[in-house]
Amino acid sequence: MLLTGCVATHNPRPQDTKFKESERNWLEIYHQELIICIENQDIEGYHFFIQEIVSEKRRLERLQRKK
């Protein structure tokens, strides 16, 4: 019998992951979540992420107008 596994050699912490807010693509994130909701037939999640997509598109349009 052969058993294998995977082990983290250090204890990762939330501060180990650094995000640059300016480089986050919320539309892409929401789109991926929407696909997951469709695959899982999650109607509530679908409606939530559709609203988030609309809100993010409006936010981006407002930013564009300010430039």
C-alpha atoms as a PDB file:
ATOM      1  CA  MET A   1       0.000   0.000   0.000  1.00  0.00           C
ATOM      2  CA  LEU A   2       1.310   3.444  -0.929  1.00  0.00           C
ATOM      3  CA  LEU A   3       0.004   6.558   0.799  1.00  0.00           C
ATOM      4  CA  THR A   4       0.855  10.054  -0.371  1.00  0.00           C
ATOM      5  CA  GLY A   5      -0.141  13.500   0.740  1.00  0.00           C
ATOM      6  CA  CYS A   6       0.708  17.135   0.594  1.00  0.00           C
ATOM      7  CA  VAL A   7       1.961  19.252   3.460  1.00  0.00           C
ATOM      8  CA  ALA A   8       2.533  22.990   3.751  1.00  0.00           C
ATOM      9  CA  THR A   9       6.029  23.618   5.044  1.00  0.00           C
ATOM     10  CA  HIS A  10       4.999  26.874   6.688  1.00  0.00           C
ATOM     11  CA  ASN A  11       1.817  28.226   8.222  1.00  0.00           C
ATOM     12  CA  PRO A  12       0.394  30.726   5.722  1.00  0.00           C
ATOM     13  CA  ARG A  13      -1.326  33.778   7.184  1.00  0.00           C
ATOM     14  CA  PRO A  14      -3.742  36.263   5.562  1.00  0.00           C
ATOM     15  CA  GLN A  15      -1.025  38.938   5.509  1.00  0.00           C
ATOM     16  CA  ASP A  16       1.087  36.604   3.330  1.00  0.00           C
ATOM     17  CA  THR A  17      -1.326  37.286   0.480  1.00  0.00           C
ATOM     18  CA  LYS A  18      -1.017  40.846  -0.710  1.00  0.00           C
ATOM     19  CA  PHE A  19      -3.512  42.232  -3.222  1.00  0.00           C
ATOM     20  CA  LYS A  20      -3.216  45.457  -5.110  1.00  0.00           C
ATOM     21  CA  GLU A  21      -6.742  46.849  -5.090  1.00  0.00           C
ATOM     22  CA  SER A  22      -6.061  48.769  -8.303  1.00  0.00           C
ATOM     23  CA  GLU A  23      -5.240  45.507 -10.120  1.00  0.00           C
ATOM     24  CA  ARG A  24      -8.315  43.596  -9.015  1.00  0.00           C
ATOM     25  CA  ASN A  25     -10.794  42.905 -11.781  1.00  0.00           C
ATOM     26  CA  TRP A  26     -14.083  42.660  -9.923  1.00  0.00           C
ATOM     27  CA  LEU A  27     -16.061  42.051 -13.110  1.00  0.00           C
ATOM     28  CA  GLU A  28     -13.988  38.959 -13.841  1.00  0.00           C
ATOM     29  CA  ILE A  29     -14.339  37.734 -10.251  1.00  0.00           C
ATOM     30  CA  TYR A  30     -18.116  38.237 -10.300  1.00  0.00           C
ATOM     31  CA  HIS A  31     -18.355  36.571 -13.707  1.00  0.00           C
ATOM     32  CA  GLN A  32     -16.555  33.466 -12.417  1.00  0.00           C
ATOM     33  CA  GLU A  33     -18.829  33.372  -9.369  1.00  0.00           C
ATOM     34  CA  LEU A  34     -21.849  33.696 -11.661  1.00  0.00           C
ATOM     35  CA  ILE A  35     -20.705  30.667 -13.670  1.00  0.00           C
ATOM     36  CA  ILE A  36     -20.387  28.681 -10.435  1.00  0.00           C
ATOM     37  CA  CYS A  37     -23.903  29.715  -9.412  1.00  0.00           C
ATOM     38  CA  ILE A  38     -25.287  28.579 -12.771  1.00  0.00           C
ATOM     39  CA  GLU A  39     -23.480  25.235 -12.531  1.00  0.00           C
ATOM     40  CA  ASN A  40     -24.871  24.690  -9.021  1.00  0.00           C
ATOM     41  CA  GLN A  41     -28.352  25.986  -9.875  1.00  0.00           C
ATOM     42  CA  ASP A  42     -27.956  28.614  -7.143  1.00  0.00           C
ATOM     43  CA  ILE A  43     -30.644  31.144  -8.051  1.00  0.00           C
ATOM     44  CA  GLU A  44     -30.056  33.410  -5.027  1.00  0.00           C
ATOM     45  CA  GLY A  45     -26.325  33.541  -5.737  1.00  0.00           C
ATOM     46  CA  TYR A  46     -27.031  34.214  -9.408  1.00  0.00           C
ATOM     47  CA  HIS A  47     -29.217  37.218  -8.555  1.00  0.00           C
ATOM     48  CA  PHE A  48     -26.640  38.492  -6.074  1.00  0.00           C
ATOM     49  CA  PHE A  49     -23.758  38.399  -8.546  1.00  0.00           C
ATOM     50  CA  ILE A  50     -25.841  39.854 -11.397  1.00  0.00           C
ATOM     51  CA  GLN A  51     -26.529  42.860  -9.130  1.00  0.00           C
ATOM     52  CA  GLU A  52     -22.835  43.097  -8.241  1.00  0.00           C
ATOM     53  CA  ILE A  53     -21.896  43.057 -11.936  1.00  0.00           C
ATOM     54  CA  VAL A  54     -24.359  45.864 -12.691  1.00  0.00           C
ATOM     55  CA  SER A  55     -23.088  47.899  -9.717  1.00  0.00           C
ATOM     56  CA  GLU A  56     -19.452  47.428 -10.735  1.00  0.00           C
ATOM     57  CA  LYS A  57     -20.164  48.415 -14.345  1.00  0.00           C
ATOM     58  CA  ARG A  58     -21.869  51.593 -13.117  1.00  0.00           C
ATOM     59  CA  ARG A  59     -18.937  52.353 -10.815  1.00  0.00           C
ATOM     60  CA  LEU A  60     -16.475  51.935 -13.678  1.00  0.00           C
ATOM     61  CA  GLU A  61     -18.592  54.157 -15.946  1.00  0.00           C
ATOM     62  CA  ARG A  62     -18.602  56.901 -13.275  1.00  0.00           C
ATOM     63  CA  LEU A  63     -14.813  56.647 -12.999  1.00  0.00           C
ATOM     64  CA  GLN A  64     -14.468  56.979 -16.759  1.00  0.00           C
ATOM     65  CA  ARG A  65     -16.643  60.106 -16.809  1.00  0.00           C
ATOM     66  CA  LYS A  66     -14.499  61.752 -14.136  1.00  0.00           C
ATOM     67  CA  LYS A  67     -11.370  61.425 -16.302  1.00  0.00           C
END
